[in-house]
Each structure stands twice: as structure tokens, then as C-alpha cells.
PDB file of N, CA and C in Angstrom:
ATOM      1  N   UNK A   1      -3.459 -22.025  15.246  1.00  0.00           N
ATOM      2  CA  UNK A   1      -3.119 -22.553  13.948  1.00  0.00           C
ATOM      3  C   UNK A   1      -1.984 -21.700  13.373  1.00  0.00           C
ATOM      4  N   UNK A   2      -0.808 -22.154  13.567  1.00  0.00           N
ATOM      5  CA  UNK A   2       0.380 -21.412  13.182  1.00  0.00           C
ATOM      6  C   UNK A   2       1.081 -22.117  12.030  1.00  0.00           C
ATOM      7  N   UNK A   3       1.588 -21.336  11.087  1.00  0.00           N
ATOM      8  CA  UNK A   3       2.316 -21.922   9.968  1.00  0.00           C
ATOM      9  C   UNK A   3       3.728 -22.251  10.427  1.00  0.00           C
ATOM     10  N   UNK A   4       4.108 -23.499  10.224  1.00  0.00           N
ATOM     11  CA  UNK A   4       5.431 -23.938  10.662  1.00  0.00           C
ATOM     12  C   UNK A   4       6.455 -23.730   9.559  1.00  0.00           C
ATOM     13  N   UNK A   5       7.717 -23.930   9.897  1.00  0.00           N
ATOM     14  CA  UNK A   5       8.807 -23.635   8.967  1.00  0.00           C
ATOM     15  C   UNK A   5       8.742 -24.472   7.697  1.00  0.00           C
ATOM     16  N   UNK A   6       8.391 -25.741   7.797  1.00  0.00           N
ATOM     17  CA  UNK A   6       8.332 -26.567   6.591  1.00  0.00           C
ATOM     18  C   UNK A   6       7.211 -26.108   5.665  1.00  0.00           C
ATOM     19  N   UNK A   7       6.142 -25.552   6.236  1.00  0.00           N
ATOM     20  CA  UNK A   7       5.052 -25.038   5.412  1.00  0.00           C
ATOM     21  C   UNK A   7       5.481 -23.767   4.676  1.00  0.00           C
ATOM     22  N   UNK A   8       6.282 -22.925   5.332  1.00  0.00           N
ATOM     23  CA  UNK A   8       6.814 -21.736   4.668  1.00  0.00           C
ATOM     24  C   UNK A   8       7.703 -22.120   3.497  1.00  0.00           C
ATOM     25  N   UNK A   9       8.486 -23.169   3.662  1.00  0.00           N
ATOM     26  CA  UNK A   9       9.362 -23.628   2.578  1.00  0.00           C
ATOM     27  C   UNK A   9       8.535 -24.104   1.387  1.00  0.00           C
ATOM     28  N   UNK A  10       7.478 -24.837   1.646  1.00  0.00           N
ATOM     29  CA  UNK A  10       6.604 -25.298   0.572  1.00  0.00           C
ATOM     30  C   UNK A  10       5.967 -24.113  -0.137  1.00  0.00           C
ATOM     31  N   UNK A  11       5.512 -23.128   0.621  1.00  0.00           N
ATOM     32  CA  UNK A  11       4.910 -21.928   0.022  1.00  0.00           C
ATOM     33  C   UNK A  11       5.933 -21.199  -0.841  1.00  0.00           C
ATOM     34  N   UNK A  12       7.154 -21.061  -0.354  1.00  0.00           N
ATOM     35  CA  UNK A  12       8.207 -20.395  -1.112  1.00  0.00           C
ATOM     36  C   UNK A  12       8.509 -21.129  -2.419  1.00  0.00           C
ATOM     37  N   UNK A  13       8.574 -22.443  -2.375  1.00  0.00           N
ATOM     38  CA  UNK A  13       8.829 -23.229  -3.587  1.00  0.00           C
ATOM     39  C   UNK A  13       7.701 -23.041  -4.592  1.00  0.00           C
ATOM     40  N   UNK A  14       6.470 -23.041  -4.122  1.00  0.00           N
ATOM     41  CA  UNK A  14       5.331 -22.841  -5.015  1.00  0.00           C
ATOM     42  C   UNK A  14       5.385 -21.452  -5.646  1.00  0.00           C
ATOM     43  N   UNK A  15       5.713 -20.447  -4.854  1.00  0.00           N
ATOM     44  CA  UNK A  15       5.819 -19.084  -5.383  1.00  0.00           C
ATOM     45  C   UNK A  15       6.925 -19.006  -6.430  1.00  0.00           C
ATOM     46  N   UNK A  16       8.066 -19.625  -6.162  1.00  0.00           N
ATOM     47  CA  UNK A  16       9.163 -19.616  -7.129  1.00  0.00           C
ATOM     48  C   UNK A  16       8.775 -20.318  -8.425  1.00  0.00           C
ATOM     49  N   UNK A  17       8.050 -21.405  -8.321  1.00  0.00           N
ATOM     50  CA  UNK A  17       7.611 -22.106  -9.523  1.00  0.00           C
ATOM     51  C   UNK A  17       6.557 -21.315 -10.281  1.00  0.00           C
ATOM     52  N   UNK A  18       5.687 -20.659  -9.549  1.00  0.00           N
ATOM     53  CA  UNK A  18       4.581 -19.933 -10.175  1.00  0.00           C
ATOM     54  C   UNK A  18       5.064 -18.676 -10.895  1.00  0.00           C
ATOM     55  N   UNK A  19       5.835 -17.843 -10.204  1.00  0.00           N
ATOM     56  CA  UNK A  19       6.277 -16.584 -10.790  1.00  0.00           C
ATOM     57  C   UNK A  19       7.628 -16.699 -11.482  1.00  0.00           C
ATOM     58  N   UNK A  20       8.442 -17.587 -11.017  1.00  0.00           N
ATOM     59  CA  UNK A  20       9.782 -17.702 -11.571  1.00  0.00           C
ATOM     60  C   UNK A  20      10.728 -16.740 -10.886  1.00  0.00           C
ATOM     61  N   UNK A  21      11.971 -17.126 -10.784  1.00  0.00           N
ATOM     62  CA  UNK A  21      12.971 -16.321 -10.091  1.00  0.00           C
ATOM     63  C   UNK A  21      13.198 -14.951 -10.724  1.00  0.00           C
ATOM     64  N   UNK A  22      13.182 -14.802 -12.051  1.00  0.00           N
ATOM     65  CA  UNK A  22      13.434 -13.469 -12.633  1.00  0.00           C
ATOM     66  C   UNK A  22      12.352 -12.441 -12.306  1.00  0.00           C
ATOM     67  N   UNK A  23      11.139 -12.875 -12.067  1.00  0.00           N
ATOM     68  CA  UNK A  23      10.054 -11.935 -11.815  1.00  0.00           C
ATOM     69  C   UNK A  23       9.958 -11.502 -10.355  1.00  0.00           C
ATOM     70  N   UNK A  24      10.567 -12.225  -9.451  1.00  0.00           N
ATOM     71  CA  UNK A  24      10.449 -11.914  -8.031  1.00  0.00           C
ATOM     72  C   UNK A  24      11.036 -10.559  -7.637  1.00  0.00           C
ATOM     73  N   UNK A  25      12.186 -10.145  -8.145  1.00  0.00           N
ATOM     74  CA  UNK A  25      12.692  -8.814  -7.764  1.00  0.00           C
ATOM     75  C   UNK A  25      11.730  -7.691  -8.148  1.00  0.00           C
ATOM     76  N   UNK A  26      11.140  -7.777  -9.318  1.00  0.00           N
ATOM     77  CA  UNK A  26      10.186  -6.749  -9.735  1.00  0.00           C
ATOM     78  C   UNK A  26       8.951  -6.778  -8.841  1.00  0.00           C
ATOM     79  N   UNK A  27       8.528  -7.956  -8.466  1.00  0.00           N
ATOM     80  CA  UNK A  27       7.363  -8.092  -7.586  1.00  0.00           C
ATOM     81  C   UNK A  27       7.645  -7.505  -6.212  1.00  0.00           C
ATOM     82  N   UNK A  28       8.795  -7.798  -5.642  1.00  0.00           N
ATOM     83  CA  UNK A  28       9.123  -7.269  -4.318  1.00  0.00           C
ATOM     84  C   UNK A  28       9.311  -5.754  -4.364  1.00  0.00           C
ATOM     85  N   UNK A  29       9.879  -5.243  -5.451  1.00  0.00           N
ATOM     86  CA  UNK A  29      10.040  -3.796  -5.594  1.00  0.00           C
ATOM     87  C   UNK A  29       8.678  -3.113  -5.648  1.00  0.00           C
ATOM     88  N   UNK A  30       7.755  -3.699  -6.381  1.00  0.00           N
ATOM     89  CA  UNK A  30       6.413  -3.135  -6.493  1.00  0.00           C
ATOM     90  C   UNK A  30       5.698  -3.139  -5.143  1.00  0.00           C
ATOM     91  N   UNK A  31       5.819  -4.226  -4.421  1.00  0.00           N
ATOM     92  CA  UNK A  31       5.186  -4.322  -3.102  1.00  0.00           C
ATOM     93  C   UNK A  31       5.804  -3.300  -2.144  1.00  0.00           C
ATOM     94  N   UNK A  32       7.117  -3.152  -2.191  1.00  0.00           N
ATOM     95  CA  UNK A  32       7.796  -2.196  -1.304  1.00  0.00           C
ATOM     96  C   UNK A  32       7.359  -0.762  -1.603  1.00  0.00           C
ATOM     97  N   UNK A  33       7.258  -0.414  -2.880  1.00  0.00           N
ATOM     98  CA  UNK A  33       6.811   0.932  -3.237  1.00  0.00           C
ATOM     99  C   UNK A  33       5.376   1.172  -2.792  1.00  0.00           C
ATOM    100  N   UNK A  34       4.543   0.170  -2.938  1.00  0.00           N
ATOM    101  CA  UNK A  34       3.151   0.303  -2.502  1.00  0.00           C
ATOM    102  C   UNK A  34       3.066   0.503  -0.994  1.00  0.00           C
ATOM    103  N   UNK A  35       3.877  -0.222  -0.247  1.00  0.00           N
ATOM    104  CA  UNK A  35       3.885  -0.064   1.204  1.00  0.00           C
ATOM    105  C   UNK A  35       4.379   1.322   1.612  1.00  0.00           C
ATOM    106  N   UNK A  36       5.389   1.846   0.908  1.00  0.00           N
ATOM    107  CA  UNK A  36       5.891   3.186   1.219  1.00  0.00           C
ATOM    108  C   UNK A  36       4.802   4.227   1.006  1.00  0.00           C
ATOM    109  N   UNK A  37       4.093   4.121  -0.100  1.00  0.00           N
ATOM    110  CA  UNK A  37       3.009   5.064  -0.389  1.00  0.00           C
ATOM    111  C   UNK A  37       1.907   4.945   0.654  1.00  0.00           C
ATOM    112  N   UNK A  38       1.555   3.713   1.002  1.00  0.00           N
ATOM    113  CA  UNK A  38       0.508   3.474   2.000  1.00  0.00           C
ATOM    114  C   UNK A  38       0.894   4.081   3.344  1.00  0.00           C
ATOM    115  N   UNK A  39       2.124   3.851   3.784  1.00  0.00           N
ATOM    116  CA  UNK A  39       2.579   4.399   5.064  1.00  0.00           C
ATOM    117  C   UNK A  39       2.630   5.920   5.027  1.00  0.00           C
ATOM    118  N   UNK A  40       3.049   6.481   3.901  1.00  0.00           N
ATOM    119  CA  UNK A  40       3.110   7.930   3.757  1.00  0.00           C
ATOM    120  C   UNK A  40       1.709   8.530   3.875  1.00  0.00           C
ATOM    121  N   UNK A  41       0.728   7.906   3.265  1.00  0.00           N
ATOM    122  CA  UNK A  41      -0.645   8.402   3.325  1.00  0.00           C
ATOM    123  C   UNK A  41      -1.215   8.287   4.738  1.00  0.00           C
ATOM    124  N   UNK A  42      -0.853   7.244   5.443  1.00  0.00           N
ATOM    125  CA  UNK A  42      -1.340   7.073   6.816  1.00  0.00           C
ATOM    126  C   UNK A  42      -0.723   8.129   7.734  1.00  0.00           C
ATOM    127  N   UNK A  43       0.562   8.433   7.536  1.00  0.00           N
ATOM    128  CA  UNK A  43       1.260   9.375   8.402  1.00  0.00           C
ATOM    129  C   UNK A  43       0.954  10.830   8.072  1.00  0.00           C
ATOM    130  N   UNK A  44       0.336  11.105   6.936  1.00  0.00           N
ATOM    131  CA  UNK A  44       0.058  12.495   6.575  1.00  0.00           C
ATOM    132  C   UNK A  44      -0.879  13.101   7.607  1.00  0.00           C
ATOM    133  N   UNK A  45      -0.673  14.360   7.920  1.00  0.00           N
ATOM    134  CA  UNK A  45      -1.479  15.001   8.969  1.00  0.00           C
ATOM    135  C   UNK A  45      -2.963  15.026   8.620  1.00  0.00           C
ATOM    136  N   UNK A  46      -3.776  14.881   9.645  1.00  0.00           N
ATOM    137  CA  UNK A  46      -5.216  14.874   9.435  1.00  0.00           C
ATOM    138  C   UNK A  46      -5.732  16.272   9.117  1.00  0.00           C
ATOM    139  N   UNK A  47      -4.911  17.274   9.372  1.00  0.00           N
ATOM    140  CA  UNK A  47      -5.349  18.637   9.092  1.00  0.00           C
ATOM    141  C   UNK A  47      -5.416  18.908   7.595  1.00  0.00           C
ATOM    142  N   UNK A  48      -4.732  18.058   6.805  1.00  0.00           N
ATOM    143  CA  UNK A  48      -4.850  18.200   5.359  1.00  0.00           C
ATOM    144  C   UNK A  48      -6.269  17.830   4.964  1.00  0.00           C
ATOM    145  N   UNK A  49      -6.863  18.698   4.171  1.00  0.00           N
ATOM    146  CA  UNK A  49      -8.235  18.447   3.780  1.00  0.00           C
ATOM    147  C   UNK A  49      -8.283  18.069   2.319  1.00  0.00           C
ATOM    148  N   UNK A  50      -9.274  17.272   1.977  1.00  0.00           N
ATOM    149  CA  UNK A  50      -9.469  16.894   0.590  1.00  0.00           C
ATOM    150  C   UNK A  50      -9.881  18.126  -0.207  1.00  0.00           C
ATOM    151  N   UNK A  51      -9.554  18.206  -1.479  1.00  0.00           N
ATOM    152  CA  UNK A  51      -9.911  19.380  -2.286  1.00  0.00           C
ATOM    153  C   UNK A  51     -11.411  19.677  -2.286  1.00  0.00           C
ATOM    154  N   UNK A  52     -12.252  18.656  -2.263  1.00  0.00           N
ATOM    155  CA  UNK A  52     -13.696  18.891  -2.253  1.00  0.00           C
ATOM    156  C   UNK A  52     -14.117  19.623  -0.976  1.00  0.00           C
ATOM    157  N   UNK A  53     -13.494  19.265   0.149  1.00  0.00           N
ATOM    158  CA  UNK A  53     -13.833  19.888   1.417  1.00  0.00           C
ATOM    159  C   UNK A  53     -13.433  21.356   1.410  1.00  0.00           C
ATOM    160  N   UNK A  54     -12.270  21.657   0.886  1.00  0.00           N
ATOM    161  CA  UNK A  54     -11.793  23.034   0.832  1.00  0.00           C
ATOM    162  C   UNK A  54     -12.704  23.855  -0.073  1.00  0.00           C
ATOM    163  N   UNK A  55     -13.072  23.321  -1.227  1.00  0.00           N
ATOM    164  CA  UNK A  55     -13.951  24.035  -2.150  1.00  0.00           C
ATOM    165  C   UNK A  55     -15.307  24.297  -1.518  1.00  0.00           C
ATOM    166  N   UNK A  56     -15.839  23.331  -0.790  1.00  0.00           N
ATOM    167  CA  UNK A  56     -17.130  23.484  -0.143  1.00  0.00           C
ATOM    168  C   UNK A  56     -17.064  24.601   0.904  1.00  0.00           C
ATOM    169  N   UNK A  57     -15.988  24.627   1.675  1.00  0.00           N
ATOM    170  CA  UNK A  57     -15.848  25.663   2.707  1.00  0.00           C
ATOM    171  C   UNK A  57     -15.707  27.041   2.078  1.00  0.00           C
ATOM    172  N   UNK A  58     -14.982  27.135   0.966  1.00  0.00           N
ATOM    173  CA  UNK A  58     -14.837  28.419   0.283  1.00  0.00           C
ATOM    174  C   UNK A  58     -16.180  28.895  -0.234  1.00  0.00           C
ATOM    175  N   UNK A  59     -16.990  27.974  -0.734  1.00  0.00           N
ATOM    176  CA  UNK A  59     -18.313  28.313  -1.213  1.00  0.00           C
ATOM    177  C   UNK A  59     -19.204  28.833  -0.112  1.00  0.00           C
ATOM    178  N   UNK A  60     -19.090  28.234   1.084  1.00  0.00           N
ATOM    179  CA  UNK A  60     -19.887  28.684   2.226  1.00  0.00           C
ATOM    180  C   UNK A  60     -19.453  30.076   2.665  1.00  0.00           C
ATOM    181  N   UNK A  61     -18.173  30.371   2.604  1.00  0.00           N
ATOM    182  CA  UNK A  61     -17.663  31.684   2.992  1.00  0.00           C
ATOM    183  C   UNK A  61     -18.166  32.761   2.022  1.00  0.00           C
ATOM    184  N   UNK A  62     -18.225  32.427   0.735  1.00  0.00           N
ATOM    185  CA  UNK A  62     -18.677  33.389  -0.253  1.00  0.00           C
ATOM    186  C   UNK A  62     -20.161  33.720  -0.070  1.00  0.00           C
ATOM    187  N   UNK A  63     -20.942  32.746   0.398  1.00  0.00           N
ATOM    188  CA  UNK A  63     -22.380  32.967   0.595  1.00  0.00           C
ATOM    189  C   UNK A  63     -22.636  33.895   1.762  1.00  0.00           C
ATOM    190  N   UNK A  64     -21.759  33.882   2.760  1.00  0.00           N
ATOM    191  CA  UNK A  64     -21.954  34.706   3.967  1.00  0.00           C
ATOM    192  C   UNK A  64     -21.716  36.116   3.663  1.00  0.00           C
TER     193      UNK A  64
END
């Protein structure tokens, strides 16, 4: 079940009518920024630990 080209055109027309042409640049900018943040978070090294994890480990060291 693949979307064909004429269906994409209909979807695009509906989106243009729904949001309007002036709002689309802001929408695409917002989506692009969100994707950049998402990709940055995925690529961050796994060795980075959450602050709660670091605090817990420090607490365990102090008990020893």
C-alpha cells in the first residue's frame, strides 16, 4: 500500500488550505530544529550519565 504521486498532491493541497502558506515556513523551521535536537541527543555518547546516576554513585562512594 504505497502512496502515489496524485495522493501526495492532494495531501499537500489540504495542508496548504489547513495551515495556510504564511504559517508553513515557521512550521518547517520548528520541525527542523526538533529533528536537529533529536539527532544530537541520539548521537551523544552513552558514557554521559544522567545527573541522578552520578549523584547516586557519589553517595555510594561516600558510604564506603
